[in-house]
Amino acid sequence: MNFTRILGVLLLIAGTASLATGGFSYTKDSTVVKLGPLELSAKEKEEVKLPVWLGVGAIAAGGLLLVLGGRKR
């Protein structure tokens, strides 16, 4: 398999995962108060929503790379 086909497969997988999950979340540590050696921190859960057009575009681009990437010139 050449690089173009591998990239196409990866885009197909990423686009499908994007449509299936709709986004991802992560936890961010932030310092709330710091008084000398004393420190108070909090954990915040952040959520990132991925737009539908991004997943559809990745699937379309991956499909095109698979179809056109195998052609010999």
C-alpha atoms as a PDB file:
ATOM      1  CA  MET A   1       0.000   0.000   0.000  1.00  0.00           C
ATOM      2  CA  ASN A   2       1.259   3.435  -0.834  1.00  0.00           C
ATOM      3  CA  PHE A   3       1.042   6.545   1.320  1.00  0.00           C
ATOM      4  CA  THR A   4      -2.066   7.882  -0.446  1.00  0.00           C
ATOM      5  CA  ARG A   5      -4.101   4.767   0.283  1.00  0.00           C
ATOM      6  CA  ILE A   6      -2.968   4.666   3.920  1.00  0.00           C
ATOM      7  CA  LEU A   7      -3.968   8.310   4.341  1.00  0.00           C
ATOM      8  CA  GLY A   8      -7.333   7.536   2.730  1.00  0.00           C
ATOM      9  CA  VAL A   9      -8.015   4.691   5.160  1.00  0.00           C
ATOM     10  CA  LEU A  10      -7.018   6.866   8.128  1.00  0.00           C
ATOM     11  CA  LEU A  11      -9.372   9.639   6.972  1.00  0.00           C
ATOM     12  CA  LEU A  12     -12.209   7.142   6.594  1.00  0.00           C
ATOM     13  CA  ILE A  13     -11.637   5.833  10.123  1.00  0.00           C
ATOM     14  CA  ALA A  14     -11.354   9.331  11.608  1.00  0.00           C
ATOM     15  CA  GLY A  15     -14.487  10.550   9.811  1.00  0.00           C
ATOM     16  CA  THR A  16     -16.511   7.543  10.926  1.00  0.00           C
ATOM     17  CA  ALA A  17     -15.327   7.952  14.520  1.00  0.00           C
ATOM     18  CA  SER A  18     -16.186  11.650  14.400  1.00  0.00           C
ATOM     19  CA  LEU A  19     -19.740  10.917  13.271  1.00  0.00           C
ATOM     20  CA  ALA A  20     -20.171   8.086  15.777  1.00  0.00           C
ATOM     21  CA  THR A  21     -18.969   9.956  18.865  1.00  0.00           C
ATOM     22  CA  GLY A  22     -19.807  13.562  18.006  1.00  0.00           C
ATOM     23  CA  GLY A  23     -16.844  14.904  19.977  1.00  0.00           C
ATOM     24  CA  PHE A  24     -14.537  14.229  22.887  1.00  0.00           C
ATOM     25  CA  SER A  25     -13.914  15.467  26.412  1.00  0.00           C
ATOM     26  CA  TYR A  26     -10.850  16.063  28.547  1.00  0.00           C
ATOM     27  CA  THR A  27     -10.043  17.188  32.088  1.00  0.00           C
ATOM     28  CA  LYS A  28      -8.109  20.393  32.685  1.00  0.00           C
ATOM     29  CA  ASP A  29      -6.378  21.270  35.964  1.00  0.00           C
ATOM     30  CA  SER A  30      -6.473  24.920  36.953  1.00  0.00           C
ATOM     31  CA  THR A  31      -5.070  26.734  39.971  1.00  0.00           C
ATOM     32  CA  VAL A  32      -7.827  28.644  41.765  1.00  0.00           C
ATOM     33  CA  VAL A  33      -5.956  30.174  44.711  1.00  0.00           C
ATOM     34  CA  LYS A  34      -2.255  30.330  45.536  1.00  0.00           C
ATOM     35  CA  LEU A  35      -1.170  31.778  48.883  1.00  0.00           C
ATOM     36  CA  GLY A  36       2.532  31.220  49.482  1.00  0.00           C
ATOM     37  CA  PRO A  37       3.167  27.483  49.709  1.00  0.00           C
ATOM     38  CA  LEU A  38      -0.595  26.772  49.849  1.00  0.00           C
ATOM     39  CA  GLU A  39      -2.287  26.058  46.548  1.00  0.00           C
ATOM     40  CA  LEU A  40      -5.915  25.252  45.776  1.00  0.00           C
ATOM     41  CA  SER A  41      -6.631  23.689  42.412  1.00  0.00           C
ATOM     42  CA  ALA A  42      -9.755  22.510  40.626  1.00  0.00           C
ATOM     43  CA  LYS A  43     -10.398  20.048  37.817  1.00  0.00           C
ATOM     44  CA  GLU A  44     -12.651  21.195  35.013  1.00  0.00           C
ATOM     45  CA  LYS A  45     -14.155  18.864  32.452  1.00  0.00           C
ATOM     46  CA  GLU A  46     -14.048  20.408  28.980  1.00  0.00           C
ATOM     47  CA  GLU A  47     -16.031  19.047  26.048  1.00  0.00           C
ATOM     48  CA  VAL A  48     -15.260  19.573  22.365  1.00  0.00           C
ATOM     49  CA  LYS A  49     -18.068  19.049  19.850  1.00  0.00           C
ATOM     50  CA  LEU A  50     -17.046  18.074  16.327  1.00  0.00           C
ATOM     51  CA  PRO A  51     -19.313  19.348  13.533  1.00  0.00           C
ATOM     52  CA  VAL A  52     -21.047  16.824  11.278  1.00  0.00           C
ATOM     53  CA  TRP A  53     -19.609  18.426   8.130  1.00  0.00           C
ATOM     54  CA  LEU A  54     -16.102  17.639   9.381  1.00  0.00           C
ATOM     55  CA  GLY A  55     -16.832  13.911   9.630  1.00  0.00           C
ATOM     56  CA  VAL A  56     -18.609  13.798   6.271  1.00  0.00           C
ATOM     57  CA  GLY A  57     -15.763  15.729   4.632  1.00  0.00           C
ATOM     58  CA  ALA A  58     -13.154  13.365   6.075  1.00  0.00           C
ATOM     59  CA  ILE A  59     -15.080  10.348   4.791  1.00  0.00           C
ATOM     60  CA  ALA A  60     -15.447  11.905   1.333  1.00  0.00           C
ATOM     61  CA  ALA A  61     -11.768  12.871   1.159  1.00  0.00           C
ATOM     62  CA  GLY A  62     -10.704   9.403   2.341  1.00  0.00           C
ATOM     63  CA  GLY A  63     -12.894   7.747  -0.273  1.00  0.00           C
ATOM     64  CA  LEU A  64     -11.470   9.923  -3.029  1.00  0.00           C
ATOM     65  CA  LEU A  65      -7.916   9.152  -1.950  1.00  0.00           C
ATOM     66  CA  LEU A  66      -8.651   5.426  -1.986  1.00  0.00           C
ATOM     67  CA  VAL A  67     -10.232   5.552  -5.433  1.00  0.00           C
ATOM     68  CA  LEU A  68      -7.797   7.969  -7.072  1.00  0.00           C
ATOM     69  CA  GLY A  69      -4.708   6.950  -5.104  1.00  0.00           C
ATOM     70  CA  GLY A  70      -4.531   3.516  -6.684  1.00  0.00           C
ATOM     71  CA  ARG A  71      -4.366   4.777 -10.256  1.00  0.00           C
ATOM     72  CA  LYS A  72      -1.145   4.501 -12.153  1.00  0.00           C
ATOM     73  CA  ARG A  73      -0.216   7.396 -14.380  1.00  0.00           C
END
